[in-house]
N, C-alpha and C. Protein backbone atom coordinates (compact mmCIF):
# COMPACT_ATOMS: atom_id res chain seq x y z
N UNK A 1 -10.49 71.44 -52.29
CA UNK A 1 -11.64 70.76 -52.86
C UNK A 1 -11.20 69.50 -53.61
N UNK A 2 -10.18 69.61 -54.42
CA UNK A 2 -9.69 68.47 -55.19
C UNK A 2 -9.07 67.41 -54.26
N UNK A 3 -8.41 67.88 -53.24
CA UNK A 3 -7.79 66.95 -52.27
C UNK A 3 -8.88 66.12 -51.58
N UNK A 4 -9.98 66.77 -51.22
CA UNK A 4 -11.09 66.05 -50.57
C UNK A 4 -11.68 65.02 -51.53
N UNK A 5 -11.81 65.34 -52.80
CA UNK A 5 -12.35 64.41 -53.78
C UNK A 5 -11.42 63.22 -53.97
N UNK A 6 -10.12 63.48 -53.99
CA UNK A 6 -9.13 62.41 -54.14
C UNK A 6 -9.20 61.46 -52.94
N UNK A 7 -9.30 62.04 -51.76
CA UNK A 7 -9.38 61.22 -50.54
C UNK A 7 -10.67 60.40 -50.56
N UNK A 8 -11.76 60.99 -50.95
CA UNK A 8 -13.05 60.30 -51.00
C UNK A 8 -13.02 59.15 -52.00
N UNK A 9 -12.50 59.40 -53.20
CA UNK A 9 -12.43 58.35 -54.22
C UNK A 9 -11.48 57.24 -53.76
N UNK A 10 -10.37 57.60 -53.15
CA UNK A 10 -9.42 56.60 -52.64
C UNK A 10 -10.06 55.73 -51.56
N UNK A 11 -10.82 56.34 -50.67
CA UNK A 11 -11.50 55.59 -49.62
C UNK A 11 -12.53 54.64 -50.20
N UNK A 12 -13.24 55.08 -51.25
CA UNK A 12 -14.22 54.21 -51.89
C UNK A 12 -13.54 53.01 -52.54
N UNK A 13 -12.42 53.24 -53.19
CA UNK A 13 -11.69 52.14 -53.85
C UNK A 13 -11.20 51.14 -52.81
N UNK A 14 -10.62 51.64 -51.74
CA UNK A 14 -10.12 50.75 -50.68
C UNK A 14 -11.29 50.00 -50.04
N UNK A 15 -12.40 50.68 -49.81
CA UNK A 15 -13.58 50.04 -49.22
C UNK A 15 -14.13 48.92 -50.09
N UNK A 16 -14.20 49.16 -51.39
CA UNK A 16 -14.69 48.12 -52.30
C UNK A 16 -13.74 46.92 -52.33
N UNK A 17 -12.45 47.18 -52.36
CA UNK A 17 -11.47 46.08 -52.37
C UNK A 17 -11.57 45.28 -51.07
N UNK A 18 -11.75 45.97 -49.96
CA UNK A 18 -11.88 45.29 -48.67
C UNK A 18 -13.13 44.41 -48.65
N UNK A 19 -14.24 44.93 -49.13
CA UNK A 19 -15.49 44.17 -49.16
C UNK A 19 -15.36 42.95 -50.07
N UNK A 20 -14.71 43.11 -51.22
CA UNK A 20 -14.51 41.99 -52.12
C UNK A 20 -13.68 40.90 -51.46
N UNK A 21 -12.61 41.30 -50.78
CA UNK A 21 -11.76 40.33 -50.09
C UNK A 21 -12.53 39.65 -48.95
N UNK A 22 -13.34 40.41 -48.26
CA UNK A 22 -14.15 39.85 -47.17
C UNK A 22 -15.14 38.82 -47.70
N UNK A 23 -15.79 39.11 -48.81
CA UNK A 23 -16.73 38.16 -49.42
C UNK A 23 -16.02 36.89 -49.86
N UNK A 24 -14.83 37.03 -50.45
CA UNK A 24 -14.08 35.86 -50.88
C UNK A 24 -13.68 35.00 -49.69
N UNK A 25 -13.25 35.64 -48.62
CA UNK A 25 -12.85 34.90 -47.41
C UNK A 25 -14.06 34.18 -46.80
N UNK A 26 -15.20 34.86 -46.78
CA UNK A 26 -16.41 34.24 -46.25
C UNK A 26 -16.81 33.03 -47.09
N UNK A 27 -16.73 33.16 -48.41
CA UNK A 27 -17.08 32.05 -49.30
C UNK A 27 -16.13 30.87 -49.09
N UNK A 28 -14.85 31.16 -48.94
CA UNK A 28 -13.87 30.09 -48.70
C UNK A 28 -14.13 29.40 -47.37
N UNK A 29 -14.48 30.18 -46.37
CA UNK A 29 -14.79 29.63 -45.05
C UNK A 29 -16.02 28.73 -45.11
N UNK A 30 -17.04 29.17 -45.82
CA UNK A 30 -18.26 28.36 -45.97
C UNK A 30 -17.96 27.07 -46.72
N UNK A 31 -17.14 27.14 -47.76
CA UNK A 31 -16.80 25.94 -48.53
C UNK A 31 -16.05 24.94 -47.66
N UNK A 32 -15.13 25.44 -46.84
CA UNK A 32 -14.39 24.55 -45.95
C UNK A 32 -15.31 23.92 -44.91
N UNK A 33 -16.23 24.70 -44.37
CA UNK A 33 -17.17 24.17 -43.38
C UNK A 33 -18.08 23.12 -44.01
N UNK A 34 -18.53 23.37 -45.23
CA UNK A 34 -19.37 22.38 -45.92
C UNK A 34 -18.60 21.10 -46.20
N UNK A 35 -17.35 21.22 -46.59
CA UNK A 35 -16.53 20.04 -46.85
C UNK A 35 -16.34 19.23 -45.58
N UNK A 36 -16.11 19.91 -44.47
CA UNK A 36 -15.97 19.20 -43.18
C UNK A 36 -17.28 18.53 -42.81
N UNK A 37 -18.39 19.22 -43.05
CA UNK A 37 -19.69 18.66 -42.70
C UNK A 37 -20.02 17.43 -43.52
N UNK A 38 -19.64 17.40 -44.78
CA UNK A 38 -19.89 16.23 -45.62
C UNK A 38 -19.00 15.07 -45.23
N UNK A 39 -17.83 15.36 -44.69
CA UNK A 39 -16.90 14.30 -44.31
C UNK A 39 -17.43 13.53 -43.10
N UNK A 40 -18.13 14.23 -42.21
CA UNK A 40 -18.68 13.57 -41.04
C UNK A 40 -20.00 12.90 -41.40
N UNK A 41 -20.40 11.94 -40.57
CA UNK A 41 -21.73 11.36 -40.75
C UNK A 41 -22.76 12.41 -40.38
N UNK A 42 -23.94 12.37 -40.98
CA UNK A 42 -24.94 13.41 -40.72
C UNK A 42 -25.30 13.57 -39.25
N UNK A 43 -25.50 12.48 -38.54
CA UNK A 43 -25.86 12.57 -37.12
C UNK A 43 -24.71 13.14 -36.32
N UNK A 44 -23.49 12.75 -36.65
CA UNK A 44 -22.32 13.25 -35.95
C UNK A 44 -22.16 14.75 -36.18
N UNK A 45 -22.40 15.18 -37.40
CA UNK A 45 -22.30 16.61 -37.70
C UNK A 45 -23.37 17.38 -36.95
N UNK A 46 -24.56 16.81 -36.85
CA UNK A 46 -25.63 17.47 -36.11
C UNK A 46 -25.27 17.56 -34.62
N UNK A 47 -24.68 16.53 -34.08
CA UNK A 47 -24.27 16.56 -32.68
C UNK A 47 -23.19 17.62 -32.46
N UNK A 48 -22.29 17.77 -33.41
CA UNK A 48 -21.26 18.80 -33.29
C UNK A 48 -21.88 20.18 -33.25
N UNK A 49 -22.90 20.40 -34.08
CA UNK A 49 -23.56 21.71 -34.09
C UNK A 49 -24.33 21.95 -32.81
N UNK A 50 -25.02 20.93 -32.30
CA UNK A 50 -25.84 21.10 -31.10
C UNK A 50 -24.96 21.35 -29.88
N UNK A 51 -23.96 20.52 -29.70
CA UNK A 51 -23.10 20.63 -28.51
C UNK A 51 -22.10 21.75 -28.68
N UNK A 52 -21.74 22.07 -29.90
CA UNK A 52 -20.84 23.19 -30.15
C UNK A 52 -19.38 22.81 -30.12
N UNK A 53 -19.09 21.54 -30.23
CA UNK A 53 -17.70 21.09 -30.19
C UNK A 53 -17.57 19.90 -31.14
N UNK A 54 -16.51 19.85 -31.91
CA UNK A 54 -16.33 18.76 -32.86
C UNK A 54 -15.81 17.52 -32.14
N UNK A 55 -15.94 16.41 -32.81
CA UNK A 55 -15.47 15.14 -32.24
C UNK A 55 -13.96 15.19 -32.01
N UNK A 56 -13.22 15.71 -32.98
CA UNK A 56 -11.77 15.77 -32.85
C UNK A 56 -11.35 16.67 -31.69
N UNK A 57 -12.03 17.80 -31.54
CA UNK A 57 -11.72 18.71 -30.44
C UNK A 57 -12.01 18.06 -29.10
N UNK A 58 -13.12 17.34 -29.01
CA UNK A 58 -13.47 16.65 -27.77
C UNK A 58 -12.43 15.59 -27.43
N UNK A 59 -11.96 14.87 -28.45
CA UNK A 59 -10.92 13.86 -28.21
C UNK A 59 -9.62 14.52 -27.74
N UNK A 60 -9.29 15.66 -28.29
CA UNK A 60 -8.08 16.36 -27.85
C UNK A 60 -8.21 16.85 -26.42
N UNK A 61 -9.36 17.38 -26.07
CA UNK A 61 -9.55 17.91 -24.72
C UNK A 61 -9.42 16.79 -23.69
N UNK A 62 -10.05 15.65 -23.95
CA UNK A 62 -9.98 14.54 -22.99
C UNK A 62 -8.79 13.61 -23.23
N UNK A 63 -7.97 13.93 -24.23
CA UNK A 63 -6.75 13.18 -24.51
C UNK A 63 -7.04 11.70 -24.74
N UNK A 64 -7.96 11.42 -25.65
CA UNK A 64 -8.26 10.05 -26.04
C UNK A 64 -8.11 9.94 -27.55
N UNK A 65 -7.58 8.80 -28.00
CA UNK A 65 -7.38 8.63 -29.43
C UNK A 65 -8.51 7.83 -30.07
N UNK A 66 -9.12 6.93 -29.30
CA UNK A 66 -10.27 6.19 -29.82
C UNK A 66 -11.42 6.28 -28.83
N UNK A 67 -12.59 5.86 -29.26
CA UNK A 67 -13.78 6.02 -28.43
C UNK A 67 -13.95 4.81 -27.51
N UNK A 68 -13.13 4.77 -26.48
CA UNK A 68 -13.19 3.73 -25.47
C UNK A 68 -13.87 4.32 -24.23
N UNK A 69 -15.07 3.84 -23.87
CA UNK A 69 -15.82 4.46 -22.77
C UNK A 69 -15.06 4.49 -21.44
N UNK A 70 -14.29 3.44 -21.16
CA UNK A 70 -13.55 3.40 -19.89
C UNK A 70 -12.46 4.47 -19.87
N UNK A 71 -11.75 4.59 -20.97
CA UNK A 71 -10.68 5.59 -21.06
C UNK A 71 -11.25 7.01 -21.00
N UNK A 72 -12.37 7.21 -21.68
CA UNK A 72 -13.02 8.52 -21.65
C UNK A 72 -13.42 8.89 -20.24
N UNK A 73 -14.06 7.95 -19.52
CA UNK A 73 -14.51 8.21 -18.16
C UNK A 73 -13.33 8.47 -17.23
N UNK A 74 -12.27 7.69 -17.38
CA UNK A 74 -11.08 7.86 -16.53
C UNK A 74 -10.46 9.25 -16.73
N UNK A 75 -10.28 9.65 -17.99
CA UNK A 75 -9.69 10.96 -18.27
C UNK A 75 -10.62 12.09 -17.84
N UNK A 76 -11.91 11.88 -18.03
CA UNK A 76 -12.89 12.89 -17.62
C UNK A 76 -12.82 13.11 -16.11
N UNK A 77 -12.85 12.01 -15.34
CA UNK A 77 -12.80 12.13 -13.87
C UNK A 77 -11.54 12.86 -13.42
N UNK A 78 -10.41 12.50 -14.02
CA UNK A 78 -9.14 13.13 -13.64
C UNK A 78 -9.16 14.63 -13.96
N UNK A 79 -9.52 14.98 -15.19
CA UNK A 79 -9.50 16.38 -15.59
C UNK A 79 -10.56 17.21 -14.85
N UNK A 80 -11.69 16.62 -14.54
CA UNK A 80 -12.72 17.34 -13.81
C UNK A 80 -12.24 17.68 -12.40
N UNK A 81 -11.58 16.69 -11.76
CA UNK A 81 -11.07 16.93 -10.39
C UNK A 81 -9.93 17.93 -10.39
N UNK A 82 -9.03 17.83 -11.35
CA UNK A 82 -7.88 18.73 -11.42
C UNK A 82 -8.32 20.17 -11.64
N UNK A 83 -9.37 20.37 -12.42
CA UNK A 83 -9.84 21.72 -12.73
C UNK A 83 -10.94 22.21 -11.81
N UNK A 84 -11.16 21.52 -10.70
CA UNK A 84 -12.17 21.95 -9.74
C UNK A 84 -11.75 23.28 -9.13
N UNK A 85 -12.70 24.18 -9.01
CA UNK A 85 -12.40 25.53 -8.52
C UNK A 85 -11.89 25.51 -7.08
N UNK A 86 -12.33 24.54 -6.29
CA UNK A 86 -11.91 24.48 -4.88
C UNK A 86 -10.43 24.14 -4.73
N UNK A 87 -9.82 23.55 -5.76
CA UNK A 87 -8.39 23.24 -5.70
C UNK A 87 -7.58 24.19 -6.60
N UNK A 88 -8.19 25.31 -6.94
CA UNK A 88 -7.47 26.32 -7.72
C UNK A 88 -7.59 26.13 -9.22
N UNK A 89 -8.54 25.32 -9.66
CA UNK A 89 -8.72 25.10 -11.08
C UNK A 89 -9.56 26.20 -11.71
N UNK A 90 -9.88 25.99 -12.95
CA UNK A 90 -10.61 26.98 -13.73
C UNK A 90 -11.99 26.43 -14.09
N UNK A 91 -13.03 27.21 -13.80
CA UNK A 91 -14.39 26.81 -14.16
C UNK A 91 -14.51 26.69 -15.68
N UNK A 92 -13.83 27.57 -16.41
CA UNK A 92 -13.87 27.54 -17.87
C UNK A 92 -13.33 26.20 -18.38
N UNK A 93 -12.18 25.79 -17.87
CA UNK A 93 -11.60 24.52 -18.31
C UNK A 93 -12.47 23.34 -17.90
N UNK A 94 -13.03 23.45 -16.71
CA UNK A 94 -13.89 22.38 -16.23
C UNK A 94 -15.13 22.25 -17.13
N UNK A 95 -15.67 23.37 -17.57
CA UNK A 95 -16.84 23.30 -18.45
C UNK A 95 -16.46 22.76 -19.83
N UNK A 96 -15.24 23.04 -20.29
CA UNK A 96 -14.77 22.47 -21.55
C UNK A 96 -14.67 20.95 -21.44
N UNK A 97 -14.21 20.47 -20.29
CA UNK A 97 -14.10 19.03 -20.06
C UNK A 97 -15.49 18.39 -20.08
N UNK A 98 -16.44 19.04 -19.45
CA UNK A 98 -17.82 18.53 -19.42
C UNK A 98 -18.40 18.48 -20.82
N UNK A 99 -18.22 19.54 -21.61
CA UNK A 99 -18.74 19.57 -22.98
C UNK A 99 -18.07 18.50 -23.84
N UNK A 100 -16.78 18.30 -23.65
CA UNK A 100 -16.08 17.26 -24.41
C UNK A 100 -16.63 15.88 -24.07
N UNK A 101 -16.88 15.64 -22.81
CA UNK A 101 -17.45 14.34 -22.38
C UNK A 101 -18.84 14.16 -22.97
N UNK A 102 -19.66 15.21 -22.95
CA UNK A 102 -21.00 15.13 -23.54
C UNK A 102 -20.92 14.79 -25.02
N UNK A 103 -19.98 15.42 -25.73
CA UNK A 103 -19.83 15.18 -27.17
C UNK A 103 -19.41 13.75 -27.45
N UNK A 104 -18.45 13.24 -26.67
CA UNK A 104 -17.99 11.87 -26.87
C UNK A 104 -19.08 10.87 -26.50
N UNK A 105 -19.84 11.15 -25.44
CA UNK A 105 -20.95 10.27 -25.07
C UNK A 105 -22.00 10.23 -26.18
N UNK A 106 -22.26 11.38 -26.78
CA UNK A 106 -23.22 11.45 -27.88
C UNK A 106 -22.72 10.64 -29.07
N UNK A 107 -21.43 10.73 -29.36
CA UNK A 107 -20.85 9.97 -30.47
C UNK A 107 -20.94 8.47 -30.19
N UNK A 108 -20.68 8.07 -28.95
CA UNK A 108 -20.82 6.65 -28.60
C UNK A 108 -22.26 6.18 -28.77
N UNK A 109 -23.22 7.03 -28.39
CA UNK A 109 -24.64 6.69 -28.55
C UNK A 109 -24.98 6.54 -30.03
N UNK A 110 -24.46 7.45 -30.86
CA UNK A 110 -24.72 7.38 -32.31
C UNK A 110 -24.12 6.10 -32.89
N UNK A 111 -22.92 5.75 -32.47
CA UNK A 111 -22.28 4.53 -32.97
C UNK A 111 -23.05 3.29 -32.54
N UNK A 112 -23.50 3.27 -31.28
CA UNK A 112 -24.26 2.13 -30.78
C UNK A 112 -25.57 1.98 -31.56
N UNK A 113 -26.21 3.09 -31.84
CA UNK A 113 -27.46 3.07 -32.61
C UNK A 113 -27.19 2.55 -34.02
N UNK A 114 -26.09 3.00 -34.63
CA UNK A 114 -25.73 2.54 -35.97
C UNK A 114 -25.39 1.06 -35.99
N UNK A 115 -24.69 0.59 -34.97
CA UNK A 115 -24.37 -0.84 -34.89
C UNK A 115 -25.63 -1.67 -34.72
N UNK A 116 -26.58 -1.17 -33.92
CA UNK A 116 -27.83 -1.89 -33.71
C UNK A 116 -28.62 -1.98 -35.02
N UNK A 117 -28.63 -0.88 -35.79
CA UNK A 117 -29.33 -0.88 -37.08
C UNK A 117 -28.66 -1.80 -38.08
N UNK A 118 -27.33 -1.88 -38.05
CA UNK A 118 -26.60 -2.78 -38.94
C UNK A 118 -26.92 -4.22 -38.60
N UNK A 119 -27.05 -4.50 -37.29
CA UNK A 119 -27.41 -5.85 -36.85
C UNK A 119 -28.79 -6.25 -37.33
N UNK A 120 -29.71 -5.33 -37.29
CA UNK A 120 -31.07 -5.61 -37.76
C UNK A 120 -31.09 -5.85 -39.27
N UNK A 121 -30.32 -5.07 -40.02
CA UNK A 121 -30.27 -5.24 -41.46
C UNK A 121 -29.64 -6.58 -41.84
N UNK A 122 -28.65 -7.03 -41.06
CA UNK A 122 -27.98 -8.30 -41.34
C UNK A 122 -28.92 -9.47 -41.11
N UNK A 123 -29.86 -9.33 -40.16
CA UNK A 123 -30.80 -10.40 -39.86
C UNK A 123 -31.80 -10.60 -40.98
N UNK A 124 -32.13 -9.54 -41.69
CA UNK A 124 -33.17 -9.64 -42.73
C UNK A 124 -32.65 -10.11 -44.05
């Protein structure tokens, strides 16, 4: 009887400690995510959430360092062909390439829109 009580109390203590550690880790994760979100522009952060891939990750996938449309298209075409299933590629990798291209295209659209708005503000 006493052994069962000791085991029960020990399990409760370990469970509480685990839950406390889990809450702390979750809070730290949320703080890091919020810090990353504030570092990005609001539209860019929204695009990352919608498409499900960050700008940095998309640049890594397509192996581009800056947002040059020609370089993005060239790398996209190459990686899409290499990962085609008919030549032994992976549909998973091919879909990652497509998502990365969509994310970079969205970022280019956001930048173009921002540049256009800056031009309008300079005129006034």
